[in-house]
Amino acid sequence: MPQVFKFGGYRIYFWVNEGRPTEPVHVHVVEGEPRPNATKVWITEAGGTFLANNASEIPAADLADLLDLISAQSELIVEKWLSVFGSVSYYC
C-alpha cells in the first residue's frame, strides 16, 4: 500500500484495492501494519478533512493531531492520489 507519510507511530496511506470506480480522495490511518478497515479520512475539495470512521480506535488527542496534519498536507495527498489512481474526485 502506498504510504503517504508517517506521524509518530501512525502510517497514513492509500489502500489501492478498493474497487472500481475509485472512491473519492481519502487516506487510511493505522498504528502498525496497513489494513483495509483502518481509520478513514476523506479530503475535502477545500483541503479540509472529514472523518469517515475511526476503525483503528485512535485516541481522541492523537486523532485531532492527525486530522490537523492531514489537512495541512492535503495538497500533497491529492498530488500523490493523482499519481497513484490517475484521477481525483471529492466526497464533499
Protein backbone atom coordinates (compact mmCIF):
# COMPACT_ATOMS: atom_id res chain seq x y z
CA MET A 1 0.00 0.00 0.00
CA PRO A 2 1.44 3.38 -0.94
CA GLN A 3 2.46 5.21 2.22
CA VAL A 4 1.85 8.94 2.04
CA PHE A 5 3.77 9.71 5.24
CA LYS A 6 4.25 8.72 8.89
CA PHE A 7 3.45 10.68 12.02
CA GLY A 8 4.83 9.21 15.22
CA GLY A 9 3.86 5.56 15.11
CA TYR A 10 0.98 6.16 12.68
CA ARG A 11 1.03 5.35 8.98
CA ILE A 12 -1.02 7.47 6.59
CA TYR A 13 -1.54 5.54 3.36
CA PHE A 14 -3.74 4.67 0.40
CA TRP A 15 -5.42 1.28 0.13
CA VAL A 16 -5.17 0.52 -3.59
CA ASN A 17 -7.62 -2.38 -3.89
CA GLU A 18 -10.90 -0.68 -3.01
CA GLY A 19 -12.76 -1.45 -6.20
CA ARG A 20 -13.99 0.47 -9.21
CA PRO A 21 -14.93 3.17 -9.61
CA THR A 22 -12.25 4.55 -7.34
CA GLU A 23 -13.62 6.21 -4.22
CA PRO A 24 -13.11 9.94 -3.65
CA VAL A 25 -9.70 11.01 -2.35
CA HIS A 26 -9.01 9.76 1.18
CA VAL A 27 -6.33 8.24 3.37
CA HIS A 28 -6.27 5.42 5.86
CA VAL A 29 -4.53 5.80 9.21
CA VAL A 30 -3.28 3.00 11.42
CA GLU A 31 -0.68 2.30 14.04
CA GLY A 32 1.27 -0.70 12.79
CA GLU A 33 0.67 -2.56 9.54
CA PRO A 34 -1.73 -1.22 6.88
CA ARG A 35 -5.12 -2.92 6.64
CA PRO A 36 -8.24 -2.18 4.58
CA ASN A 37 -10.52 -1.43 7.53
CA ALA A 38 -8.35 1.18 9.26
CA THR A 39 -9.44 4.69 10.20
CA LYS A 40 -10.56 6.51 7.04
CA VAL A 41 -10.28 10.27 6.44
CA TRP A 42 -11.80 11.98 3.40
CA ILE A 43 -10.01 15.01 1.94
CA THR A 44 -12.47 17.77 1.08
CA GLU A 45 -12.27 19.88 -2.04
CA ALA A 46 -11.42 22.88 0.18
CA GLY A 47 -8.45 20.99 1.63
CA GLY A 48 -10.02 20.05 4.93
CA THR A 49 -10.73 16.65 6.39
CA PHE A 50 -13.87 14.64 7.14
CA LEU A 51 -13.57 11.64 9.42
CA ALA A 52 -15.38 8.70 7.81
CA ASN A 53 -14.65 6.33 10.70
CA ASN A 54 -12.17 5.65 13.46
CA ALA A 55 -11.96 1.89 12.99
CA SER A 56 -8.35 1.92 14.25
CA GLU A 57 -9.61 3.35 17.56
CA ILE A 58 -7.04 6.13 17.57
CA PRO A 59 -7.20 8.09 20.86
CA ALA A 60 -9.00 11.45 20.50
CA ALA A 61 -5.94 13.64 21.13
CA ASP A 62 -3.84 11.73 18.56
CA LEU A 63 -6.72 11.75 16.09
CA ALA A 64 -7.09 15.54 16.39
CA ASP A 65 -3.36 15.98 15.68
CA LEU A 66 -3.55 13.57 12.74
CA LEU A 67 -6.55 15.37 11.23
CA ASP A 68 -4.71 18.70 11.52
CA LEU A 69 -1.64 17.19 9.83
CA ILE A 70 -3.68 15.57 7.06
CA SER A 71 -5.48 18.86 6.39
CA ALA A 72 -2.17 20.76 6.31
CA GLN A 73 -0.79 18.21 3.84
CA SER A 74 -3.95 17.90 1.72
CA GLU A 75 -2.30 19.28 -1.45
CA LEU A 76 0.49 16.70 -1.19
CA ILE A 77 -2.07 13.95 -0.57
CA VAL A 78 -4.11 14.95 -3.62
CA GLU A 79 -0.96 15.06 -5.80
CA LYS A 80 0.06 11.58 -4.64
CA TRP A 81 -3.51 10.31 -5.10
CA LEU A 82 -3.49 11.56 -8.68
CA SER A 83 -0.17 9.83 -9.39
CA VAL A 84 -1.45 6.52 -7.96
CA PHE A 85 -5.07 6.48 -9.19
CA GLY A 86 -4.96 8.77 -12.23
CA SER A 87 -7.94 10.96 -11.30
CA VAL A 88 -9.32 12.82 -8.32
CA SER A 89 -12.85 13.28 -7.05
CA TYR A 90 -14.04 14.57 -3.70
CA TYR A 91 -16.57 13.29 -1.17
CA CYS A 92 -17.53 16.87 -0.28
